[in-house]
């Protein structure tokens, strides 16, 4: 039986092949080539399309150093950014507030 990390790695490789078929070649991390890592020039493809521009603009404008592994399909930094960044505007605040108000009055 394979462990959770290996299942997720295999799942991300499958997702990449199905959703990013035009990206050829493996990415590199720590001196090794991996299928679950995107080539550096495609790192933005690891983010939900609707947040790519605003997130990277914010990072650049505020001189934030993103995690060095943002091209890794298993990156927890990327997962958090994809999950939380949509709440970083008025529409997102309203969506989150409305959701939380259902449970906490």
PDB file of N, CA and C in Angstrom:
ATOM      1  N   UNK A   1       0.838  -1.179   0.000  1.00  0.00           N
ATOM      2  CA  UNK A   1       0.000   0.000   0.000  1.00  0.00           C
ATOM      3  C   UNK A   1       0.885   1.246   0.000  1.00  0.00           C
ATOM      4  N   UNK A   2       0.526   2.226  -0.843  1.00  0.00           N
ATOM      5  CA  UNK A   2       1.332   3.438  -0.904  1.00  0.00           C
ATOM      6  C   UNK A   2       0.834   4.464   0.117  1.00  0.00           C
ATOM      7  N   UNK A   3       1.752   5.281   0.601  1.00  0.00           N
ATOM      8  CA  UNK A   3       1.389   6.267   1.612  1.00  0.00           C
ATOM      9  C   UNK A   3       0.707   7.483   0.974  1.00  0.00           C
ATOM     10  N   UNK A   4       0.198   8.352   1.821  1.00  0.00           N
ATOM     11  CA  UNK A   4      -0.559   9.520   1.381  1.00  0.00           C
ATOM     12  C   UNK A   4       0.257  10.419   0.449  1.00  0.00           C
ATOM     13  N   UNK A   5       1.485  10.718   0.829  1.00  0.00           N
ATOM     14  CA  UNK A   5       2.325  11.611   0.029  1.00  0.00           C
ATOM     15  C   UNK A   5       2.523  11.057  -1.380  1.00  0.00           C
ATOM     16  N   UNK A   6       2.756   9.768  -1.491  1.00  0.00           N
ATOM     17  CA  UNK A   6       2.950   9.147  -2.803  1.00  0.00           C
ATOM     18  C   UNK A   6       1.650   9.161  -3.611  1.00  0.00           C
ATOM     19  N   UNK A   7       0.526   8.913  -2.949  1.00  0.00           N
ATOM     20  CA  UNK A   7      -0.769   8.990  -3.657  1.00  0.00           C
ATOM     21  C   UNK A   7      -1.002  10.393  -4.199  1.00  0.00           C
ATOM     22  N   UNK A   8      -0.683  11.408  -3.411  1.00  0.00           N
ATOM     23  CA  UNK A   8      -0.879  12.789  -3.853  1.00  0.00           C
ATOM     24  C   UNK A   8       0.079  13.141  -4.993  1.00  0.00           C
ATOM     25  N   UNK A   9       1.299  12.649  -4.914  1.00  0.00           N
ATOM     26  CA  UNK A   9       2.263  12.895  -5.988  1.00  0.00           C
ATOM     27  C   UNK A   9       1.756  12.292  -7.293  1.00  0.00           C
ATOM     28  N   UNK A  10       1.284  11.063  -7.230  1.00  0.00           N
ATOM     29  CA  UNK A  10       0.750  10.407  -8.426  1.00  0.00           C
ATOM     30  C   UNK A  10      -0.502  11.111  -8.945  1.00  0.00           C
ATOM     31  N   UNK A  11      -1.333  11.574  -8.024  1.00  0.00           N
ATOM     32  CA  UNK A  11      -2.540  12.304  -8.408  1.00  0.00           C
ATOM     33  C   UNK A  11      -2.170  13.606  -9.124  1.00  0.00           C
ATOM     34  N   UNK A  12      -1.176  14.331  -8.617  1.00  0.00           N
ATOM     35  CA  UNK A  12      -0.770  15.592  -9.228  1.00  0.00           C
ATOM     36  C   UNK A  12      -0.120  15.366 -10.595  1.00  0.00           C
ATOM     37  N   UNK A  13       0.611  14.282 -10.751  1.00  0.00           N
ATOM     38  CA  UNK A  13       1.189  13.959 -12.058  1.00  0.00           C
ATOM     39  C   UNK A  13       0.067  13.703 -13.062  1.00  0.00           C
ATOM     40  N   UNK A  14      -0.934  12.960 -12.653  1.00  0.00           N
ATOM     41  CA  UNK A  14      -2.089  12.688 -13.519  1.00  0.00           C
ATOM     42  C   UNK A  14      -2.814  13.993 -13.853  1.00  0.00           C
ATOM     43  N   UNK A  15      -3.042  14.836 -12.832  1.00  0.00           N
ATOM     44  CA  UNK A  15      -3.715  16.123 -13.049  1.00  0.00           C
ATOM     45  C   UNK A  15      -2.928  16.967 -14.051  1.00  0.00           C
ATOM     46  N   UNK A  16      -1.632  17.012 -13.879  1.00  0.00           N
ATOM     47  CA  UNK A  16      -0.789  17.800 -14.784  1.00  0.00           C
ATOM     48  C   UNK A  16      -0.921  17.318 -16.221  1.00  0.00           C
ATOM     49  N   UNK A  17      -0.878  16.020 -16.430  1.00  0.00           N
ATOM     50  CA  UNK A  17      -0.980  15.470 -17.786  1.00  0.00           C
ATOM     51  C   UNK A  17      -2.328  15.800 -18.419  1.00  0.00           C
ATOM     52  N   UNK A  18      -3.384  15.798 -17.617  1.00  0.00           N
ATOM     53  CA  UNK A  18      -4.724  16.074 -18.121  1.00  0.00           C
ATOM     54  C   UNK A  18      -4.993  17.564 -18.309  1.00  0.00           C
ATOM     55  N   UNK A  19      -4.455  18.403 -17.436  1.00  0.00           N
ATOM     56  CA  UNK A  19      -4.799  19.822 -17.429  1.00  0.00           C
ATOM     57  C   UNK A  19      -3.742  20.755 -17.995  1.00  0.00           C
ATOM     58  N   UNK A  20      -2.524  20.297 -18.065  1.00  0.00           N
ATOM     59  CA  UNK A  20      -1.433  21.125 -18.594  1.00  0.00           C
ATOM     60  C   UNK A  20      -0.643  20.336 -19.642  1.00  0.00           C
ATOM     61  N   UNK A  21      -1.339  19.786 -20.636  1.00  0.00           N
ATOM     62  CA  UNK A  21      -0.662  18.891 -21.582  1.00  0.00           C
ATOM     63  C   UNK A  21       0.401  19.568 -22.451  1.00  0.00           C
ATOM     64  N   UNK A  22       0.346  20.883 -22.580  1.00  0.00           N
ATOM     65  CA  UNK A  22       1.304  21.589 -23.431  1.00  0.00           C
ATOM     66  C   UNK A  22       2.614  21.907 -22.714  1.00  0.00           C
ATOM     67  N   UNK A  23       2.658  21.673 -21.411  1.00  0.00           N
ATOM     68  CA  UNK A  23       3.899  21.908 -20.674  1.00  0.00           C
ATOM     69  C   UNK A  23       4.730  20.631 -20.730  1.00  0.00           C
ATOM     70  N   UNK A  24       5.813  20.726 -21.460  1.00  0.00           N
ATOM     71  CA  UNK A  24       6.688  19.567 -21.631  1.00  0.00           C
ATOM     72  C   UNK A  24       7.879  19.652 -20.685  1.00  0.00           C
ATOM     73  N   UNK A  25       8.365  18.518 -20.316  1.00  0.00           N
ATOM     74  CA  UNK A  25       9.547  18.456 -19.473  1.00  0.00           C
ATOM     75  C   UNK A  25       9.209  18.549 -18.003  1.00  0.00           C
ATOM     76  N   UNK A  26      10.112  18.067 -17.218  1.00  0.00           N
ATOM     77  CA  UNK A  26       9.955  18.109 -15.770  1.00  0.00           C
ATOM     78  C   UNK A  26      10.578  19.373 -15.207  1.00  0.00           C
ATOM     79  N   UNK A  27      10.144  19.721 -14.014  1.00  0.00           N
ATOM     80  CA  UNK A  27      10.773  20.808 -13.292  1.00  0.00           C
ATOM     81  C   UNK A  27      11.865  20.247 -12.396  1.00  0.00           C
ATOM     82  N   UNK A  28      12.675  21.153 -11.895  1.00  0.00           N
ATOM     83  CA  UNK A  28      13.800  20.777 -11.046  1.00  0.00           C
ATOM     84  C   UNK A  28      13.646  21.394  -9.673  1.00  0.00           C
ATOM     85  N   UNK A  29      13.993  20.618  -8.668  1.00  0.00           N
ATOM     86  CA  UNK A  29      14.028  21.125  -7.303  1.00  0.00           C
ATOM     87  C   UNK A  29      15.126  20.383  -6.565  1.00  0.00           C
ATOM     88  N   UNK A  30      15.943  21.132  -5.858  1.00  0.00           N
ATOM     89  CA  UNK A  30      17.062  20.560  -5.104  1.00  0.00           C
ATOM     90  C   UNK A  30      17.963  19.694  -5.979  1.00  0.00           C
ATOM     91  N   UNK A  31      18.174  20.150  -7.208  1.00  0.00           N
ATOM     92  CA  UNK A  31      19.090  19.460  -8.110  1.00  0.00           C
ATOM     93  C   UNK A  31      18.552  18.199  -8.755  1.00  0.00           C
ATOM     94  N   UNK A  32      17.252  17.917  -8.600  1.00  0.00           N
ATOM     95  CA  UNK A  32      16.665  16.710  -9.186  1.00  0.00           C
ATOM     96  C   UNK A  32      15.449  17.071 -10.033  1.00  0.00           C
ATOM     97  N   UNK A  33      15.220  16.280 -11.065  1.00  0.00           N
ATOM     98  CA  UNK A  33      14.088  16.463 -11.966  1.00  0.00           C
ATOM     99  C   UNK A  33      12.919  15.602 -11.484  1.00  0.00           C
ATOM    100  N   UNK A  34      11.715  16.211 -11.468  1.00  0.00           N
ATOM    101  CA  UNK A  34      10.524  15.487 -11.007  1.00  0.00           C
ATOM    102  C   UNK A  34       9.337  15.771 -11.925  1.00  0.00           C
ATOM    103  N   UNK A  35       8.483  14.761 -12.108  1.00  0.00           N
ATOM    104  CA  UNK A  35       7.268  14.928 -12.911  1.00  0.00           C
ATOM    105  C   UNK A  35       6.238  15.830 -12.249  1.00  0.00           C
ATOM    106  N   UNK A  36       6.202  15.851 -10.931  1.00  0.00           N
ATOM    107  CA  UNK A  36       5.197  16.650 -10.227  1.00  0.00           C
ATOM    108  C   UNK A  36       5.649  18.101  -9.999  1.00  0.00           C
ATOM    109  N   UNK A  37       6.721  18.478 -10.649  1.00  0.00           N
ATOM    110  CA  UNK A  37       7.215  19.846 -10.552  1.00  0.00           C
ATOM    111  C   UNK A  37       7.224  20.449 -11.956  1.00  0.00           C
ATOM    112  N   UNK A  38       6.679  21.651 -12.051  1.00  0.00           N
ATOM    113  CA  UNK A  38       6.625  22.346 -13.330  1.00  0.00           C
ATOM    114  C   UNK A  38       7.956  23.018 -13.627  1.00  0.00           C
ATOM    115  N   UNK A  39       8.312  23.124 -14.903  1.00  0.00           N
ATOM    116  CA  UNK A  39       9.469  23.948 -15.233  1.00  0.00           C
ATOM    117  C   UNK A  39       9.238  25.371 -14.705  1.00  0.00           C
ATOM    118  N   UNK A  40      10.274  26.031 -14.247  1.00  0.00           N
ATOM    119  CA  UNK A  40      10.163  27.349 -13.600  1.00  0.00           C
ATOM    120  C   UNK A  40       9.338  28.352 -14.399  1.00  0.00           C
ATOM    121  N   UNK A  41       9.483  28.369 -15.719  1.00  0.00           N
ATOM    122  CA  UNK A  41       8.790  29.370 -16.518  1.00  0.00           C
ATOM    123  C   UNK A  41       7.272  29.187 -16.517  1.00  0.00           C
ATOM    124  N   UNK A  42       6.789  28.060 -15.994  1.00  0.00           N
ATOM    125  CA  UNK A  42       5.349  27.790 -15.936  1.00  0.00           C
ATOM    126  C   UNK A  42       4.799  27.814 -14.510  1.00  0.00           C
ATOM    127  N   UNK A  43       5.552  28.352 -13.578  1.00  0.00           N
ATOM    128  CA  UNK A  43       5.133  28.319 -12.173  1.00  0.00           C
ATOM    129  C   UNK A  43       3.773  28.950 -11.946  1.00  0.00           C
ATOM    130  N   UNK A  44       3.396  29.947 -12.717  1.00  0.00           N
ATOM    131  CA  UNK A  44       2.088  30.588 -12.514  1.00  0.00           C
ATOM    132  C   UNK A  44       0.940  29.625 -12.804  1.00  0.00           C
ATOM    133  N   UNK A  45       1.198  28.585 -13.581  1.00  0.00           N
ATOM    134  CA  UNK A  45       0.162  27.603 -13.903  1.00  0.00           C
ATOM    135  C   UNK A  45      -0.209  26.735 -12.702  1.00  0.00           C
ATOM    136  N   UNK A  46       0.543  26.866 -11.634  1.00  0.00           N
ATOM    137  CA  UNK A  46       0.261  26.127 -10.403  1.00  0.00           C
ATOM    138  C   UNK A  46      -0.779  26.852  -9.553  1.00  0.00           C
ATOM    139  N   UNK A  47      -1.270  27.984 -10.048  1.00  0.00           N
ATOM    140  CA  UNK A  47      -2.245  28.788  -9.321  1.00  0.00           C
ATOM    141  C   UNK A  47      -3.548  28.857 -10.100  1.00  0.00           C
ATOM    142  N   UNK A  48      -4.629  28.956  -9.356  1.00  0.00           N
ATOM    143  CA  UNK A  48      -5.950  29.082  -9.954  1.00  0.00           C
ATOM    144  C   UNK A  48      -5.927  30.250 -10.943  1.00  0.00           C
ATOM    145  N   UNK A  49      -6.415  30.047 -12.186  1.00  0.00           N
ATOM    146  CA  UNK A  49      -6.310  31.095 -13.206  1.00  0.00           C
ATOM    147  C   UNK A  49      -6.866  32.457 -12.786  1.00  0.00           C
ATOM    148  N   UNK A  50      -7.943  32.485 -12.030  1.00  0.00           N
ATOM    149  CA  UNK A  50      -8.554  33.752 -11.651  1.00  0.00           C
ATOM    150  C   UNK A  50      -7.734  34.560 -10.649  1.00  0.00           C
ATOM    151  N   UNK A  51      -6.719  33.974 -10.045  1.00  0.00           N
ATOM    152  CA  UNK A  51      -5.914  34.730  -9.074  1.00  0.00           C
ATOM    153  C   UNK A  51      -4.483  34.967  -9.544  1.00  0.00           C
ATOM    154  N   UNK A  52      -4.077  34.352 -10.630  1.00  0.00           N
ATOM    155  CA  UNK A  52      -2.677  34.444 -11.056  1.00  0.00           C
ATOM    156  C   UNK A  52      -2.191  35.886 -11.179  1.00  0.00           C
ATOM    157  N   UNK A  53      -2.917  36.705 -11.901  1.00  0.00           N
ATOM    158  CA  UNK A  53      -2.463  38.078 -12.136  1.00  0.00           C
ATOM    159  C   UNK A  53      -2.438  38.901 -10.848  1.00  0.00           C
ATOM    160  N   UNK A  54      -3.538  38.875 -10.101  1.00  0.00           N
ATOM    161  CA  UNK A  54      -3.594  39.716  -8.898  1.00  0.00           C
ATOM    162  C   UNK A  54      -2.600  39.251  -7.831  1.00  0.00           C
ATOM    163  N   UNK A  55      -2.435  37.957  -7.675  1.00  0.00           N
ATOM    164  CA  UNK A  55      -1.496  37.445  -6.682  1.00  0.00           C
ATOM    165  C   UNK A  55      -0.065  37.845  -7.021  1.00  0.00           C
ATOM    166  N   UNK A  56       0.342  37.621  -8.276  1.00  0.00           N
ATOM    167  CA  UNK A  56       1.718  37.937  -8.640  1.00  0.00           C
ATOM    168  C   UNK A  56       1.963  39.445  -8.686  1.00  0.00           C
ATOM    169  N   UNK A  57       0.949  40.235  -9.030  1.00  0.00           N
ATOM    170  CA  UNK A  57       1.089  41.690  -8.947  1.00  0.00           C
ATOM    171  C   UNK A  57       1.329  42.120  -7.502  1.00  0.00           C
ATOM    172  N   UNK A  58       0.554  41.560  -6.581  1.00  0.00           N
ATOM    173  CA  UNK A  58       0.692  41.882  -5.163  1.00  0.00           C
ATOM    174  C   UNK A  58       2.080  41.495  -4.647  1.00  0.00           C
ATOM    175  N   UNK A  59       2.516  40.320  -5.009  1.00  0.00           N
ATOM    176  CA  UNK A  59       3.837  39.837  -4.586  1.00  0.00           C
ATOM    177  C   UNK A  59       4.929  40.786  -5.076  1.00  0.00           C
ATOM    178  N   UNK A  60       4.834  41.185  -6.341  1.00  0.00           N
ATOM    179  CA  UNK A  60       5.846  42.069  -6.916  1.00  0.00           C
ATOM    180  C   UNK A  60       5.786  43.465  -6.287  1.00  0.00           C
ATOM    181  N   UNK A  61       4.586  44.035  -6.174  1.00  0.00           N
ATOM    182  CA  UNK A  61       4.429  45.385  -5.636  1.00  0.00           C
ATOM    183  C   UNK A  61       4.901  45.492  -4.189  1.00  0.00           C
ATOM    184  N   UNK A  62       4.714  44.434  -3.427  1.00  0.00           N
ATOM    185  CA  UNK A  62       5.062  44.457  -2.011  1.00  0.00           C
ATOM    186  C   UNK A  62       6.410  43.807  -1.714  1.00  0.00           C
ATOM    187  N   UNK A  63       7.136  43.493  -2.775  1.00  0.00           N
ATOM    188  CA  UNK A  63       8.487  42.921  -2.651  1.00  0.00           C
ATOM    189  C   UNK A  63       8.501  41.700  -1.727  1.00  0.00           C
ATOM    190  N   UNK A  64       7.517  40.841  -1.944  1.00  0.00           N
ATOM    191  CA  UNK A  64       7.399  39.609  -1.162  1.00  0.00           C
ATOM    192  C   UNK A  64       8.182  38.510  -1.867  1.00  0.00           C
ATOM    193  N   UNK A  65       8.935  37.768  -1.109  1.00  0.00           N
ATOM    194  CA  UNK A  65       9.669  36.633  -1.657  1.00  0.00           C
ATOM    195  C   UNK A  65       8.775  35.402  -1.536  1.00  0.00           C
ATOM    196  N   UNK A  66       8.210  34.932  -2.647  1.00  0.00           N
ATOM    197  CA  UNK A  66       7.387  33.722  -2.545  1.00  0.00           C
ATOM    198  C   UNK A  66       8.261  32.506  -2.224  1.00  0.00           C
ATOM    199  N   UNK A  67       7.626  31.481  -1.778  1.00  0.00           N
ATOM    200  CA  UNK A  67       8.323  30.224  -1.500  1.00  0.00           C
ATOM    201  C   UNK A  67       9.075  29.783  -2.749  1.00  0.00           C
ATOM    202  N   UNK A  68      10.248  29.235  -2.588  1.00  0.00           N
ATOM    203  CA  UNK A  68      11.052  28.828  -3.743  1.00  0.00           C
ATOM    204  C   UNK A  68      10.472  27.633  -4.478  1.00  0.00           C
ATOM    205  N   UNK A  69       9.534  26.924  -3.860  1.00  0.00           N
ATOM    206  CA  UNK A  69       8.966  25.735  -4.486  1.00  0.00           C
ATOM    207  C   UNK A  69       7.589  25.946  -5.093  1.00  0.00           C
ATOM    208  N   UNK A  70       7.284  27.171  -5.542  1.00  0.00           N
ATOM    209  CA  UNK A  70       5.929  27.405  -6.051  1.00  0.00           C
ATOM    210  C   UNK A  70       5.669  26.717  -7.390  1.00  0.00           C
ATOM    211  N   UNK A  71       6.660  26.129  -7.982  1.00  0.00           N
ATOM    212  CA  UNK A  71       6.464  25.351  -9.206  1.00  0.00           C
ATOM    213  C   UNK A  71       6.198  23.869  -8.887  1.00  0.00           C
ATOM    214  N   UNK A  72       6.195  23.536  -7.606  1.00  0.00           N
ATOM    215  CA  UNK A  72       5.960  22.168  -7.142  1.00  0.00           C
ATOM    216  C   UNK A  72       4.453  21.971  -6.923  1.00  0.00           C
ATOM    217  N   UNK A  73       3.872  21.014  -7.626  1.00  0.00           N
ATOM    218  CA  UNK A  73       2.433  20.767  -7.520  1.00  0.00           C
ATOM    219  C   UNK A  73       2.011  20.289  -6.136  1.00  0.00           C
ATOM    220  N   UNK A  74       2.954  19.956  -5.280  1.00  0.00           N
ATOM    221  CA  UNK A  74       2.641  19.521  -3.921  1.00  0.00           C
ATOM    222  C   UNK A  74       2.915  20.614  -2.882  1.00  0.00           C
ATOM    223  N   UNK A  75       3.190  21.823  -3.326  1.00  0.00           N
ATOM    224  CA  UNK A  75       3.563  22.903  -2.416  1.00  0.00           C
ATOM    225  C   UNK A  75       2.404  23.348  -1.532  1.00  0.00           C
ATOM    226  N   UNK A  76       2.611  23.330  -0.222  1.00  0.00           N
ATOM    227  CA  UNK A  76       1.580  23.808   0.702  1.00  0.00           C
ATOM    228  C   UNK A  76       1.419  25.320   0.599  1.00  0.00           C
ATOM    229  N   UNK A  77       2.483  26.045   0.232  1.00  0.00           N
ATOM    230  CA  UNK A  77       2.405  27.488   0.034  1.00  0.00           C
ATOM    231  C   UNK A  77       1.414  27.799  -1.080  1.00  0.00           C
ATOM    232  N   UNK A  78       1.480  27.012  -2.149  1.00  0.00           N
ATOM    233  CA  UNK A  78       0.575  27.194  -3.284  1.00  0.00           C
ATOM    234  C   UNK A  78      -0.853  26.849  -2.882  1.00  0.00           C
ATOM    235  N   UNK A  79      -1.034  25.765  -2.151  1.00  0.00           N
ATOM    236  CA  UNK A  79      -2.372  25.386  -1.700  1.00  0.00           C
ATOM    237  C   UNK A  79      -2.994  26.514  -0.883  1.00  0.00           C
ATOM    238  N   UNK A  80      -2.245  27.057   0.046  1.00  0.00           N
ATOM    239  CA  UNK A  80      -2.763  28.153   0.882  1.00  0.00           C
ATOM    240  C   UNK A  80      -3.067  29.386   0.046  1.00  0.00           C
ATOM    241  N   UNK A  81      -2.205  29.711  -0.888  1.00  0.00           N
ATOM    242  CA  UNK A  81      -2.449  30.877  -1.745  1.00  0.00           C
ATOM    243  C   UNK A  81      -3.707  30.683  -2.582  1.00  0.00           C
ATOM    244  N   UNK A  82      -3.854  29.510  -3.163  1.00  0.00           N
ATOM    245  CA  UNK A  82      -5.046  29.232  -3.975  1.00  0.00           C
ATOM    246  C   UNK A  82      -6.323  29.273  -3.142  1.00  0.00           C
ATOM    247  N   UNK A  83      -6.226  28.849  -1.904  1.00  0.00           N
ATOM    248  CA  UNK A  83      -7.399  28.815  -1.039  1.00  0.00           C
ATOM    249  C   UNK A  83      -7.734  30.188  -0.455  1.00  0.00           C
ATOM    250  N   UNK A  84      -6.736  30.900   0.054  1.00  0.00           N
ATOM    251  CA  UNK A  84      -6.994  32.136   0.791  1.00  0.00           C
ATOM    252  C   UNK A  84      -6.967  33.412  -0.052  1.00  0.00           C
ATOM    253  N   UNK A  85      -6.189  33.468  -1.123  1.00  0.00           N
ATOM    254  CA  UNK A  85      -6.062  34.702  -1.881  1.00  0.00           C
ATOM    255  C   UNK A  85      -7.398  35.234  -2.405  1.00  0.00           C
ATOM    256  N   UNK A  86      -8.342  34.399  -2.848  1.00  0.00           N
ATOM    257  CA  UNK A  86      -9.612  34.952  -3.337  1.00  0.00           C
ATOM    258  C   UNK A  86     -10.354  35.795  -2.302  1.00  0.00           C
ATOM    259  N   UNK A  87     -10.032  35.659  -1.037  1.00  0.00           N
ATOM    260  CA  UNK A  87     -10.684  36.455   0.007  1.00  0.00           C
ATOM    261  C   UNK A  87      -9.997  37.804   0.231  1.00  0.00           C
ATOM    262  N   UNK A  88      -8.978  38.120  -0.554  1.00  0.00           N
ATOM    263  CA  UNK A  88      -8.189  39.339  -0.364  1.00  0.00           C
ATOM    264  C   UNK A  88      -8.741  40.534  -1.157  1.00  0.00           C
ATOM    265  N   UNK A  89     -10.046  40.661  -1.210  1.00  0.00           N
ATOM    266  CA  UNK A  89     -10.680  41.819  -1.842  1.00  0.00           C
ATOM    267  C   UNK A  89     -12.094  41.949  -1.272  1.00  0.00           C
ATOM    268  N   UNK A  90     -12.795  43.012  -1.639  1.00  0.00           N
ATOM    269  CA  UNK A  90     -14.120  43.249  -1.059  1.00  0.00           C
ATOM    270  C   UNK A  90     -15.099  42.121  -1.354  1.00  0.00           C
ATOM    271  N   UNK A  91     -15.099  41.616  -2.579  1.00  0.00           N
ATOM    272  CA  UNK A  91     -16.002  40.505  -2.912  1.00  0.00           C
ATOM    273  C   UNK A  91     -15.663  39.263  -2.091  1.00  0.00           C
ATOM    274  N   UNK A  92     -14.384  39.004  -1.950  1.00  0.00           N
ATOM    275  CA  UNK A  92     -13.946  37.859  -1.161  1.00  0.00           C
ATOM    276  C   UNK A  92     -14.279  38.020   0.310  1.00  0.00           C
ATOM    277  N   UNK A  93     -14.115  39.228   0.831  1.00  0.00           N
ATOM    278  CA  UNK A  93     -14.466  39.487   2.235  1.00  0.00           C
ATOM    279  C   UNK A  93     -15.951  39.225   2.459  1.00  0.00           C
ATOM    280  N   UNK A  94     -16.785  39.688   1.522  1.00  0.00           N
ATOM    281  CA  UNK A  94     -18.224  39.480   1.656  1.00  0.00           C
ATOM    282  C   UNK A  94     -18.562  37.986   1.595  1.00  0.00           C
ATOM    283  N   UNK A  95     -17.963  37.284   0.662  1.00  0.00           N
ATOM    284  CA  UNK A  95     -18.201  35.850   0.538  1.00  0.00           C
ATOM    285  C   UNK A  95     -17.824  35.125   1.825  1.00  0.00           C
ATOM    286  N   UNK A  96     -16.649  35.420   2.361  1.00  0.00           N
ATOM    287  CA  UNK A  96     -16.195  34.776   3.585  1.00  0.00           C
ATOM    288  C   UNK A  96     -17.074  35.168   4.769  1.00  0.00           C
ATOM    289  N   UNK A  97     -17.430  36.446   4.859  1.00  0.00           N
ATOM    290  CA  UNK A  97     -18.288  36.916   5.958  1.00  0.00           C
ATOM    291  C   UNK A  97     -19.656  36.242   5.901  1.00  0.00           C
ATOM    292  N   UNK A  98     -20.248  36.188   4.719  1.00  0.00           N
ATOM    293  CA  UNK A  98     -21.555  35.536   4.564  1.00  0.00           C
ATOM    294  C   UNK A  98     -21.485  34.065   4.958  1.00  0.00           C
ATOM    295  N   UNK A  99     -20.415  33.413   4.566  1.00  0.00           N
ATOM    296  CA  UNK A  99     -20.243  31.999   4.901  1.00  0.00           C
ATOM    297  C   UNK A  99     -20.115  31.821   6.416  1.00  0.00           C
ATOM    298  N   UNK A 100     -19.245  32.610   7.047  1.00  0.00           N
ATOM    299  CA  UNK A 100     -19.025  32.485   8.480  1.00  0.00           C
ATOM    300  C   UNK A 100     -20.280  32.875   9.290  1.00  0.00           C
ATOM    301  N   UNK A 101     -21.043  33.830   8.788  1.00  0.00           N
ATOM    302  CA  UNK A 101     -22.268  34.235   9.485  1.00  0.00           C
ATOM    303  C   UNK A 101     -23.309  33.126   9.553  1.00  0.00           C
ATOM    304  N   UNK A 102     -23.208  32.162   8.686  1.00  0.00           N
ATOM    305  CA  UNK A 102     -24.125  31.026   8.740  1.00  0.00           C
ATOM    306  C   UNK A 102     -23.907  30.204  10.011  1.00  0.00           C
ATOM    307  N   UNK A 103     -22.700  30.255  10.540  1.00  0.00           N
ATOM    308  CA  UNK A 103     -22.341  29.424  11.689  1.00  0.00           C
ATOM    309  C   UNK A 103     -22.126  30.201  12.974  1.00  0.00           C
ATOM    310  N   UNK A 104     -21.783  31.478  12.837  1.00  0.00           N
ATOM    311  CA  UNK A 104     -21.503  32.292  14.019  1.00  0.00           C
ATOM    312  C   UNK A 104     -22.286  33.596  13.945  1.00  0.00           C
ATOM    313  N   UNK A 105     -23.262  33.748  14.795  1.00  0.00           N
ATOM    314  CA  UNK A 105     -24.073  34.996  14.784  1.00  0.00           C
ATOM    315  C   UNK A 105     -23.685  35.830  15.981  1.00  0.00           C
TER     316      UNK A 105
END
